[in-house]
C-alpha atoms as a PDB file:
ATOM      1  CA  GLY A   1      78.924 -68.892 -53.882  1.00  0.00           C
ATOM      2  CA  LEU A   2      76.412 -69.461 -51.473  1.00  0.00           C
ATOM      3  CA  ASP A   3      74.298 -67.413 -53.816  1.00  0.00           C
ATOM      4  CA  GLU A   4      73.912 -69.728 -55.746  1.00  0.00           C
ATOM      5  CA  GLY A   5      73.002 -72.759 -52.455  1.00  0.00           C
ATOM      6  CA  ARG A   6      77.061 -73.966 -53.314  1.00  0.00           C
ATOM      7  CA  LEU A   7      79.684 -75.319 -50.720  1.00  0.00           C
ATOM      8  CA  PHE A   8      82.638 -76.800 -50.626  1.00  0.00           C
ATOM      9  CA  VAL A   9      83.651 -79.215 -47.322  1.00  0.00           C
ATOM     10  CA  ARG A  10      86.990 -80.815 -46.531  1.00  0.00           C
ATOM     11  CA  ASN A  11      88.620 -82.597 -44.127  1.00  0.00           C
ATOM     12  CA  LEU A  12      86.498 -85.522 -44.470  1.00  0.00           C
ATOM     13  CA  PRO A  13      87.634 -89.296 -43.673  1.00  0.00           C
ATOM     14  CA  TYR A  14      88.820 -90.783 -47.033  1.00  0.00           C
ATOM     15  CA  SER A  15      86.411 -93.349 -45.983  1.00  0.00           C
ATOM     16  CA  SER A  16      83.246 -91.601 -46.053  1.00  0.00           C
ATOM     17  CA  SER A  17      80.943 -92.037 -48.748  1.00  0.00           C
ATOM     18  CA  GLU A  18      78.272 -90.672 -51.536  1.00  0.00           C
ATOM     19  CA  PRO A  19      75.531 -91.462 -49.543  1.00  0.00           C
ATOM     20  CA  GLU A  20      76.543 -90.828 -46.067  1.00  0.00           C
ATOM     21  CA  LEU A  21      76.814 -87.491 -47.042  1.00  0.00           C
ATOM     22  CA  GLN A  22      73.894 -87.111 -48.435  1.00  0.00           C
ATOM     23  CA  GLU A  23      72.328 -88.511 -45.020  1.00  0.00           C
ATOM     24  CA  LEU A  24      74.507 -85.534 -42.845  1.00  0.00           C
ATOM     25  CA  PHE A  25      73.147 -82.835 -45.541  1.00  0.00           C
ATOM     26  CA  GLY A  26      70.316 -83.729 -46.691  1.00  0.00           C
ATOM     27  CA  ALA A  27      68.842 -82.630 -42.696  1.00  0.00           C
ATOM     28  CA  PHE A  28      69.429 -79.381 -43.895  1.00  0.00           C
ATOM     29  CA  GLY A  29      66.922 -79.423 -46.977  1.00  0.00           C
ATOM     30  CA  ARG A  30      67.415 -80.804 -50.118  1.00  0.00           C
ATOM     31  CA  VAL A  31      70.604 -81.343 -52.234  1.00  0.00           C
ATOM     32  CA  ASP A  32      70.395 -81.402 -55.795  1.00  0.00           C
ATOM     33  CA  GLU A  33      74.285 -82.423 -56.272  1.00  0.00           C
ATOM     34  CA  LEU A  34      77.081 -83.580 -54.313  1.00  0.00           C
ATOM     35  CA  LEU A  35      80.346 -84.760 -55.646  1.00  0.00           C
ATOM     36  CA  LEU A  36      82.961 -86.526 -53.564  1.00  0.00           C
ATOM     37  CA  PRO A  37      85.770 -86.977 -55.968  1.00  0.00           C
ATOM     38  CA  LEU A  38      87.658 -90.507 -55.348  1.00  0.00           C
ATOM     39  CA  ASP A  39      91.391 -91.355 -55.928  1.00  0.00           C
ATOM     40  CA  ALA A  40      91.995 -92.963 -59.301  1.00  0.00           C
ATOM     41  CA  GLU A  41      94.626 -95.560 -57.516  1.00  0.00           C
ATOM     42  CA  THR A  42      92.900 -96.483 -54.340  1.00  0.00           C
ATOM     43  CA  ARG A  43      89.180 -95.928 -54.955  1.00  0.00           C
ATOM     44  CA  ARG A  44      88.923 -93.557 -51.458  1.00  0.00           C
ATOM     45  CA  ALA A  45      87.699 -90.623 -51.236  1.00  0.00           C
ATOM     46  CA  LYS A  46      90.328 -87.815 -51.199  1.00  0.00           C
ATOM     47  CA  GLY A  47      89.127 -85.658 -48.459  1.00  0.00           C
ATOM     48  CA  PHE A  48      86.870 -83.071 -50.221  1.00  0.00           C
ATOM     49  CA  ALA A  49      83.335 -82.624 -51.437  1.00  0.00           C
ATOM     50  CA  HIS A  50      81.114 -80.364 -53.043  1.00  0.00           C
ATOM     51  CA  VAL A  51      77.625 -80.078 -52.105  1.00  0.00           C
ATOM     52  CA  THR A  52      74.828 -77.999 -53.719  1.00  0.00           C
ATOM     53  CA  PHE A  53      71.363 -76.982 -52.218  1.00  0.00           C
ATOM     54  CA  SER A  54      68.238 -75.923 -54.075  1.00  0.00           C
ATOM     55  CA  ILE A  55      67.785 -73.453 -51.695  1.00  0.00           C
ATOM     56  CA  CYS A  56      70.504 -71.280 -50.756  1.00  0.00           C
ATOM     57  CA  GLU A  57      69.132 -70.160 -47.039  1.00  0.00           C
ATOM     58  CA  HIS A  58      69.360 -74.408 -46.534  1.00  0.00           C
ATOM     59  CA  ALA A  59      73.162 -73.652 -47.416  1.00  0.00           C
ATOM     60  CA  VAL A  60      73.941 -71.451 -44.720  1.00  0.00           C
ATOM     61  CA  ARG A  61      71.867 -73.377 -42.260  1.00  0.00           C
ATOM     62  CA  ALA A  62      74.154 -76.092 -43.042  1.00  0.00           C
ATOM     63  CA  MET A  63      77.212 -74.333 -43.012  1.00  0.00           C
ATOM     64  CA  SER A  64      76.688 -72.751 -39.811  1.00  0.00           C
ATOM     65  CA  GLU A  65      75.432 -76.254 -38.092  1.00  0.00           C
ATOM     66  CA  LEU A  66      78.295 -78.264 -39.407  1.00  0.00           C
ATOM     67  CA  ASP A  67      81.640 -76.350 -39.599  1.00  0.00           C
ATOM     68  CA  GLY A  68      83.737 -77.672 -37.017  1.00  0.00           C
ATOM     69  CA  SER A  69      81.513 -80.399 -36.020  1.00  0.00           C
ATOM     70  CA  THR A  70      83.085 -83.740 -35.854  1.00  0.00           C
ATOM     71  CA  PHE A  71      82.274 -85.840 -38.569  1.00  0.00           C
ATOM     72  CA  GLN A  72      83.172 -89.617 -38.021  1.00  0.00           C
ATOM     73  CA  GLY A  73      86.216 -88.544 -36.264  1.00  0.00           C
ATOM     74  CA  ARG A  74      87.440 -85.403 -38.017  1.00  0.00           C
ATOM     75  CA  ILE A  75      86.421 -81.942 -37.536  1.00  0.00           C
ATOM     76  CA  LEU A  76      84.721 -80.697 -40.482  1.00  0.00           C
ATOM     77  CA  HIS A  77      85.707 -77.083 -42.797  1.00  0.00           C
ATOM     78  CA  VAL A  78      82.432 -76.224 -44.450  1.00  0.00           C
ATOM     79  CA  MET A  79      83.014 -72.899 -46.636  1.00  0.00           C
ATOM     80  CA  PRO A  80      80.994 -71.361 -49.258  1.00  0.00           C
ATOM     81  CA  GLY A  81      81.923 -73.229 -52.518  1.00  0.00           C
ATOM     82  CA  ARG A  82      82.970 -71.222 -55.953  1.00  0.00           C
ATOM     83  CA  ALA A  83      80.531 -69.421 -58.102  1.00  0.00           C
ATOM     84  CA  ARG A  84      79.505 -71.712 -61.275  1.00  0.00           C
ATOM     85  CA  ALA A  85      81.674 -70.342 -63.957  1.00  0.00           C
ATOM     86  CA  ARG A  86      79.787 -68.422 -67.222  1.00  0.00           C
ATOM     87  CA  PRO A  87      79.702 -70.647 -70.358  1.00  0.00           C
ATOM     88  CA  ALA A  88      81.766 -68.712 -72.780  1.00  0.00           C
ATOM     89  CA  ALA A  89      78.729 -68.433 -75.307  1.00  0.00           C
ATOM     90  CA  GLU A  90      76.748 -66.766 -72.779  1.00  0.00           C
ATOM     91  CA  ALA A  91      79.816 -64.541 -71.652  1.00  0.00           C
ATOM     92  CA  GLY A  92      80.461 -63.710 -74.995  1.00  0.00           C
ATOM     93  CA  GLY A  93      76.753 -62.256 -75.358  1.00  0.00           C
ATOM     94  CA  ALA A  94      75.407 -62.226 -79.116  1.00  0.00           C
ATOM     95  CA  ALA A  95      78.791 -61.635 -80.555  1.00  0.00           C
ATOM     96  CA  GLY A  96      78.651 -65.308 -81.064  1.00  0.00           C
ATOM     97  CA  GLY A  97      75.979 -65.970 -83.837  1.00  0.00           C
ATOM     98  CA  THR A  98      74.303 -68.562 -84.979  1.00  0.00           C
ATOM     99  CA  SER A  99      77.698 -71.009 -82.833  1.00  0.00           C
ATOM    100  CA  SER A 100      76.640 -68.882 -79.361  1.00  0.00           C
ATOM    101  CA  PHE A 101      73.080 -70.054 -80.123  1.00  0.00           C
ATOM    102  CA  LYS A 102      73.615 -73.599 -81.097  1.00  0.00           C
ATOM    103  CA  ARG A 103      75.756 -73.877 -77.780  1.00  0.00           C
ATOM    104  CA  LYS A 104      73.053 -72.898 -75.932  1.00  0.00           C
ATOM    105  CA  ARG A 105      70.786 -74.688 -77.095  1.00  0.00           C
ATOM    106  CA  GLU A 106      73.266 -77.572 -76.414  1.00  0.00           C
ATOM    107  CA  GLU A 107      73.627 -76.727 -72.681  1.00  0.00           C
ATOM    108  CA  ALA A 108      70.095 -76.623 -72.338  1.00  0.00           C
ATOM    109  CA  GLN A 109      69.547 -79.836 -73.476  1.00  0.00           C
ATOM    110  CA  LYS A 110      72.014 -81.446 -71.238  1.00  0.00           C
ATOM    111  CA  ALA A 111      70.647 -79.448 -68.158  1.00  0.00           C
ATOM    112  CA  GLN A 112      67.517 -81.114 -68.813  1.00  0.00           C
ATOM    113  CA  ALA A 113      69.241 -84.394 -69.471  1.00  0.00           C
ATOM    114  CA  GLY A 114      68.322 -85.638 -65.761  1.00  0.00           C
ATOM    115  CA  SER A 115      64.437 -85.302 -65.895  1.00  0.00           C
ATOM    116  CA  SER A 116      62.325 -88.271 -67.120  1.00  0.00           C
ATOM    117  CA  HIS A 117      61.484 -88.435 -71.118  1.00  0.00           C
ATOM    118  CA  ASN A 118      59.001 -90.692 -72.400  1.00  0.00           C
ATOM    119  CA  TRP A 119      61.358 -92.837 -74.772  1.00  0.00           C
ATOM    120  CA  ASN A 120      60.037 -95.887 -76.358  1.00  0.00           C
ATOM    121  CA  PRO A 121      62.117 -98.031 -73.763  1.00  0.00           C
ATOM    122  CA  LEU A 122      64.059 -99.736 -77.531  1.00  0.00           C
ATOM    123  CA  PHE A 123      65.035 -96.791 -79.320  1.00  0.00           C
ATOM    124  CA  MET A 124      65.855 -97.633 -82.901  1.00  0.00           C
ATOM    125  CA  ARG A 125      67.466 -95.092 -85.555  1.00  0.00           C
ATOM    126  CA  ALA A 126      66.305 -95.782 -88.917  1.00  0.00           C
ATOM    127  CA  ASP A 127      70.206 -96.939 -89.987  1.00  0.00           C
ATOM    128  CA  ALA A 128      70.097 -99.931 -87.046  1.00  0.00           C
ATOM    129  CA  VAL A 129      66.762-100.997 -88.802  1.00  0.00           C
ATOM    130  CA  GLY A 130      68.336-100.864 -92.328  1.00  0.00           C
ATOM    131  CA  GLU A 131      71.515-102.989 -91.039  1.00  0.00           C
ATOM    132  CA  ALA A 132      69.308-105.490 -89.500  1.00  0.00           C
ATOM    133  CA  MET A 133      67.068-105.771 -92.491  1.00  0.00           C
ATOM    134  CA  ALA A 134      69.852-106.012 -94.661  1.00  0.00           C
ATOM    135  CA  GLU A 135      71.305-108.819 -92.312  1.00  0.00           C
ATOM    136  CA  ARG A 136      68.273-110.536 -92.107  1.00  0.00           C
ATOM    137  CA  TYR A 137      67.438-110.714 -96.278  1.00  0.00           C
ATOM    138  CA  GLY A 138      71.504-110.535 -97.469  1.00  0.00           C
ATOM    139  CA  VAL A 139      71.016-107.220 -99.521  1.00  0.00           C
ATOM    140  CA  ASP A 140      72.544-103.991 -99.208  1.00  0.00           C
ATOM    141  CA  LYS A 141      71.017-101.735 -96.683  1.00  0.00           C
ATOM    142  CA  ARG A 142      71.335 -99.066 -99.246  1.00  0.00           C
ATOM    143  CA  GLN A 143      69.082-100.963-101.205  1.00  0.00           C
ATOM    144  CA  VAL A 144      66.114-101.139 -98.206  1.00  0.00           C
ATOM    145  CA  LEU A 145      66.656 -97.941 -97.779  1.00  0.00           C
ATOM    146  CA  ASP A 146      66.222 -96.889-101.165  1.00  0.00           C
ATOM    147  CA  THR A 147      62.865 -94.620-102.140  1.00  0.00           C
ATOM    148  CA  GLU A 148      63.093 -94.983-105.340  1.00  0.00           C
ATOM    149  CA  GLY A 149      62.543 -98.764-105.271  1.00  0.00           C
ATOM    150  CA  GLY A 150      59.870-101.017-105.294  1.00  0.00           C
ATOM    151  CA  GLY A 151      57.075-100.682-102.490  1.00  0.00           C
ATOM    152  CA  SER A 152      57.397 -98.238 -99.532  1.00  0.00           C
ATOM    153  CA  LEU A 153      60.087 -97.068 -97.389  1.00  0.00           C
ATOM    154  CA  ALA A 154      57.660 -97.118 -94.100  1.00  0.00           C
ATOM    155  CA  VAL A 155      56.474-100.419 -94.232  1.00  0.00           C
ATOM    156  CA  ARG A 156      60.240-101.660 -94.997  1.00  0.00           C
ATOM    157  CA  LEU A 157      60.964 -99.922 -91.993  1.00  0.00           C
ATOM    158  CA  ALA A 158      58.215-101.270 -89.989  1.00  0.00           C
ATOM    159  CA  GLN A 159      58.843-104.693 -90.974  1.00  0.00           C
ATOM    160  CA  GLY A 160      62.575-104.148 -89.460  1.00  0.00           C
ATOM    161  CA  GLU A 161      61.624-102.237 -86.707  1.00  0.00           C
ATOM    162  CA  THR A 162      59.381-105.826 -86.183  1.00  0.00           C
ATOM    163  CA  HIS A 163      62.422-107.568 -86.610  1.00  0.00           C
ATOM    164  CA  LEU A 164      64.456-106.072 -85.078  1.00  0.00           C
ATOM    165  CA  LEU A 165      62.438-105.244 -81.614  1.00  0.00           C
ATOM    166  CA  SER A 166      61.850-109.238 -81.689  1.00  0.00           C
ATOM    167  CA  ARG A 167      65.743-110.053 -81.622  1.00  0.00           C
ATOM    168  CA  ALA A 168      65.963-107.078 -78.388  1.00  0.00           C
ATOM    169  CA  ARG A 169      63.289-108.788 -76.840  1.00  0.00           C
ATOM    170  CA  GLU A 170      65.366-111.988 -76.974  1.00  0.00           C
ATOM    171  CA  TRP A 171      68.342-110.705 -76.010  1.00  0.00           C
ATOM    172  CA  LEU A 172      66.845-108.416 -72.897  1.00  0.00           C
ATOM    173  CA  ALA A 173      65.967-111.655 -71.339  1.00  0.00           C
ATOM    174  CA  SER A 174      68.994-113.991 -72.175  1.00  0.00           C
ATOM    175  CA  SER A 175      71.121-110.898 -70.716  1.00  0.00           C
ATOM    176  CA  GLY A 176      68.881-110.658 -67.343  1.00  0.00           C
ATOM    177  CA  VAL A 177      67.654-107.201 -68.406  1.00  0.00           C
ATOM    178  CA  SER A 178      63.840-106.910 -67.136  1.00  0.00           C
ATOM    179  CA  LEU A 179      62.260-104.946 -70.685  1.00  0.00           C
ATOM    180  CA  GLU A 180      58.750-104.782 -68.315  1.00  0.00           C
ATOM    181  CA  ALA A 181      60.742-101.990 -66.089  1.00  0.00           C
ATOM    182  CA  LEU A 182      61.767-100.818 -68.898  1.00  0.00           C
ATOM    183  CA  GLN A 183      58.097-100.420 -70.689  1.00  0.00           C
ATOM    184  CA  ARG A 184      56.520 -99.081 -67.214  1.00  0.00           C
ATOM    185  CA  LEU A 185      59.468 -96.119 -67.091  1.00  0.00           C
ATOM    186  CA  ALA A 186      58.360 -95.261 -70.656  1.00  0.00           C
ATOM    187  CA  ALA A 187      54.359 -95.607 -70.434  1.00  0.00           C
ATOM    188  CA  GLY A 188      55.426 -93.137 -67.058  1.00  0.00           C
ATOM    189  CA  GLU A 189      53.854 -95.688 -64.841  1.00  0.00           C
ATOM    190  CA  GLY A 190      53.864 -94.379 -61.637  1.00  0.00           C
ATOM    191  CA  GLY A 191      53.441 -90.880 -61.581  1.00  0.00           C
ATOM    192  CA  GLY A 192      56.887 -89.963 -62.592  1.00  0.00           C
ATOM    193  CA  ALA A 193      57.742 -91.416 -59.189  1.00  0.00           C
ATOM    194  CA  VAL A 194      59.969 -93.766 -60.320  1.00  0.00           C
ATOM    195  CA  GLU A 195      62.702 -95.187 -57.988  1.00  0.00           C
ATOM    196  CA  ARG A 196      65.651 -94.975 -60.285  1.00  0.00           C
ATOM    197  CA  SER A 197      69.476 -96.531 -59.951  1.00  0.00           C
ATOM    198  CA  GLN A 198      72.265 -93.997 -58.767  1.00  0.00           C
ATOM    199  CA  THR A 199      74.729 -96.094 -61.064  1.00  0.00           C
ATOM    200  CA  LEU A 200      73.226 -97.560 -63.930  1.00  0.00           C
ATOM    201  CA  LEU A 201      72.616 -95.417 -67.371  1.00  0.00           C
ATOM    202  CA  LEU A 202      70.615 -96.453 -70.348  1.00  0.00           C
ATOM    203  CA  VAL A 203      71.824 -95.300 -73.145  1.00  0.00           C
ATOM    204  CA  LYS A 204      70.134 -94.589 -76.488  1.00  0.00           C
ATOM    205  CA  ASN A 205      70.361 -93.160 -80.026  1.00  0.00           C
ATOM    206  CA  ILE A 206      73.493 -95.380 -80.563  1.00  0.00           C
ATOM    207  CA  ASP A 207      74.969 -95.300 -83.521  1.00  0.00           C
ATOM    208  CA  ALA A 208      74.744 -98.426 -85.874  1.00  0.00           C
ATOM    209  CA  SER A 209      78.417 -98.955 -85.918  1.00  0.00           C
ATOM    210  CA  VAL A 210      79.070 -98.266 -82.754  1.00  0.00           C
ATOM    211  CA  SER A 211      80.967-101.551 -80.950  1.00  0.00           C
ATOM    212  CA  ARG A 212      80.517-102.628 -77.131  1.00  0.00           C
ATOM    213  CA  GLU A 213      84.568-101.684 -76.920  1.00  0.00           C
ATOM    214  CA  GLU A 214      83.867 -98.490 -77.962  1.00  0.00           C
ATOM    215  CA  LEU A 215      80.888 -97.539 -75.686  1.00  0.00           C
ATOM    216  CA  SER A 216      82.929 -98.787 -72.401  1.00  0.00           C
ATOM    217  CA  SER A 217      85.712 -96.784 -73.615  1.00  0.00           C
ATOM    218  CA  LEU A 218      84.077 -93.849 -73.680  1.00  0.00           C
ATOM    219  CA  PHE A 219      82.246 -94.139 -70.412  1.00  0.00           C
ATOM    220  CA  ALA A 220      85.871 -95.368 -68.634  1.00  0.00           C
ATOM    221  CA  LYS A 221      87.457 -92.345 -69.033  1.00  0.00           C
ATOM    222  CA  HIS A 222      84.697 -90.850 -66.233  1.00  0.00           C
ATOM    223  CA  GLY A 223      85.652 -93.960 -63.819  1.00  0.00           C
ATOM    224  CA  GLN A 224      85.265 -97.494 -62.948  1.00  0.00           C
ATOM    225  CA  LEU A 225      83.051 -99.506 -64.559  1.00  0.00           C
ATOM    226  CA  GLY A 226      80.437-102.530 -63.962  1.00  0.00           C
ATOM    227  CA  HIS A 227      78.932-103.962 -66.469  1.00  0.00           C
ATOM    228  CA  VAL A 228      78.215-102.690 -69.922  1.00  0.00           C
ATOM    229  CA  LEU A 229      75.827-104.031 -72.539  1.00  0.00           C
ATOM    230  CA  LEU A 230      74.770-103.069 -76.005  1.00  0.00           C
ATOM    231  CA  ALA A 231      71.414-104.943 -77.776  1.00  0.00           C
ATOM    232  CA  PRO A 232      71.444-106.172 -80.942  1.00  0.00           C
ATOM    233  CA  GLY A 233      71.309-103.220 -83.476  1.00  0.00           C
ATOM    234  CA  ASN A 234      72.448-101.201 -80.769  1.00  0.00           C
ATOM    235  CA  THR A 235      68.836-100.226 -79.812  1.00  0.00           C
ATOM    236  CA  LEU A 236      69.881 -99.852 -76.447  1.00  0.00           C
ATOM    237  CA  GLY A 237      73.040 -99.635 -74.128  1.00  0.00           C
ATOM    238  CA  LEU A 238      73.264 -99.999 -70.660  1.00  0.00           C
ATOM    239  CA  VAL A 239      76.513 -99.089 -68.236  1.00  0.00           C
ATOM    240  CA  GLU A 240      77.148 -99.596 -64.680  1.00  0.00           C
ATOM    241  CA  PHE A 241      79.455 -97.857 -62.780  1.00  0.00           C
ATOM    242  CA  VAL A 242      81.195 -99.131 -59.513  1.00  0.00           C
ATOM    243  CA  GLU A 243      80.763 -95.530 -57.511  1.00  0.00           C
ATOM    244  CA  VAL A 244      77.653 -93.342 -57.749  1.00  0.00           C
ATOM    245  CA  GLY A 245      80.092 -89.995 -58.109  1.00  0.00           C
ATOM    246  CA  GLU A 246      81.620 -90.615 -61.160  1.00  0.00           C
ATOM    247  CA  ALA A 247      79.038 -92.412 -62.360  1.00  0.00           C
ATOM    248  CA  LYS A 248      76.833 -88.981 -62.389  1.00  0.00           C
ATOM    249  CA  ARG A 249      80.770 -87.328 -63.618  1.00  0.00           C
ATOM    250  CA  ALA A 250      79.941 -89.270 -66.595  1.00  0.00           C
ATOM    251  CA  PHE A 251      76.006 -88.399 -67.087  1.00  0.00           C
ATOM    252  CA  ARG A 252      76.616 -84.213 -66.947  1.00  0.00           C
ATOM    253  CA  ALA A 253      79.820 -85.044 -69.019  1.00  0.00           C
ATOM    254  CA  LEU A 254      78.082 -86.996 -71.530  1.00  0.00           C
ATOM    255  CA  ALA A 255      74.294 -86.669 -72.113  1.00  0.00           C
ATOM    256  CA  TYR A 256      73.398 -85.442 -75.782  1.00  0.00           C
ATOM    257  CA  SER A 257      77.358 -85.476 -76.497  1.00  0.00           C
ATOM    258  CA  LYS A 258      77.921 -86.799 -80.203  1.00  0.00           C
ATOM    259  CA  LEU A 259      79.352 -90.601 -80.819  1.00  0.00           C
ATOM    260  CA  ARG A 260      80.492 -91.272 -84.039  1.00  0.00           C
ATOM    261  CA  GLY A 261      78.519 -87.847 -85.068  1.00  0.00           C
ATOM    262  CA  VAL A 262      75.248 -88.768 -83.294  1.00  0.00           C
ATOM    263  CA  PRO A 263      74.694 -87.303 -80.207  1.00  0.00           C
ATOM    264  CA  LEU A 264      73.597 -89.934 -76.723  1.00  0.00           C
ATOM    265  CA  PHE A 265      70.371 -90.336 -75.226  1.00  0.00           C
ATOM    266  CA  LEU A 266      70.902 -90.804 -71.206  1.00  0.00           C
ATOM    267  CA  GLU A 267      68.943 -91.294 -68.745  1.00  0.00           C
ATOM    268  CA  TRP A 268      68.998 -93.109 -65.553  1.00  0.00           C
ATOM    269  CA  ALA A 269      67.636 -96.615 -65.057  1.00  0.00           C
ATOM    270  CA  PRO A 270      64.929 -97.830 -63.162  1.00  0.00           C
ATOM    271  CA  THR A 271      66.110 -99.622 -59.819  1.00  0.00           C
ATOM    272  CA  GLY A 272      65.874-103.547 -60.702  1.00  0.00           C
ATOM    273  CA  VAL A 273      66.384-103.089 -64.770  1.00  0.00           C
ATOM    274  CA  LEU A 274      69.624-104.972 -64.086  1.00  0.00           C
ATOM    275  CA  GLN A 275      69.553-108.884 -62.814  1.00  0.00           C
ATOM    276  CA  PRO A 276      72.153-110.883 -61.666  1.00  0.00           C
ATOM    277  CA  ALA A 277      71.859-112.873 -64.465  1.00  0.00           C
ATOM    278  CA  SER A 278      73.414-110.583 -66.272  1.00  0.00           C
ATOM    279  CA  ALA A 279      76.865-110.877 -65.008  1.00  0.00           C
ATOM    280  CA  GLY A 280      77.690-113.970 -67.607  1.00  0.00           C
ATOM    281  CA  ALA A 281      78.242-115.033 -70.676  1.00  0.00           C
ATOM    282  CA  GLU A 282      78.332-113.065 -74.032  1.00  0.00           C
ATOM    283  CA  GLN A 283      75.203-113.104 -75.855  1.00  0.00           C
ATOM    284  CA  THR A 284      74.958-113.055 -79.714  1.00  0.00           C
ATOM    285  CA  GLY A 285      74.186-109.686 -81.014  1.00  0.00           C
ATOM    286  CA  GLY A 286      75.158-108.317 -77.397  1.00  0.00           C
ATOM    287  CA  ALA A 287      77.567-108.364 -74.619  1.00  0.00           C
ATOM    288  CA  ALA A 288      77.168-109.175 -71.212  1.00  0.00           C
ATOM    289  CA  ALA A 289      80.975-108.885 -69.700  1.00  0.00           C
ATOM    290  CA  PRO A 290      82.314-107.027 -67.304  1.00  0.00           C
ATOM    291  CA  ALA A 291      83.785-103.969 -68.269  1.00  0.00           C
ATOM    292  CA  ALA A 292      87.652-103.508 -67.948  1.00  0.00           C
ATOM    293  CA  ALA A 293      88.549-100.715 -65.631  1.00  0.00           C
END
């Protein structure tokens, strides 16, 4: 409720947008979360929203001043929102044992998923490197990752990473993806003040067997997609949503969720990382075609 800074707003115009509501409520303090549900068929607002402030006093002031006010020709009804439901593991106390601890750890990971991480811009899984090496030399992946064979596994993996990184750089350039923007993000340039997109997600730690269609299908459950791109070796995926609210919903639902048994790492892309050139022809080893709605 109000003690958590949560508000429920109804009687909104169906034409209202998240940026407009962000501006309206942001005048009273920092808004941590704003959810404006959209109708799946019309792609217009359903007429209500959930707003969460960082400080509950700001929520109280916003409710006091905006309830009964006119917004785009409609009289707003602003009231305290419902308190967040407690996770089952938390409600069950210590009875959950190890599984309870595991759930709490996963919840904590999801809660921290929106923060900035100093990841390699092209996060490479060992199996992806093994696939690339096996393809390059025409051998089975198990031979590449065999620790009992001749030569050092570390050296072979380093060679594979170099090869895969070279392929990925070429693909990024031809797909209109700015590697420089990704590298600035990973290096933490700008003191953490990198401007982020609100609709474009970076997806990392993708299993080598996942296809672009499978990735697209997973994210499409949460809203209408623009472009879905997948780099060679699955070193990096980019998923673009049409609507801000649906992108946020997908982020909350899928950060650290498992795809083929592997947890997905999500991060908001820096603005300008996806150039208009990406909207076009398919690329070898990746895809740059718009996703189906």
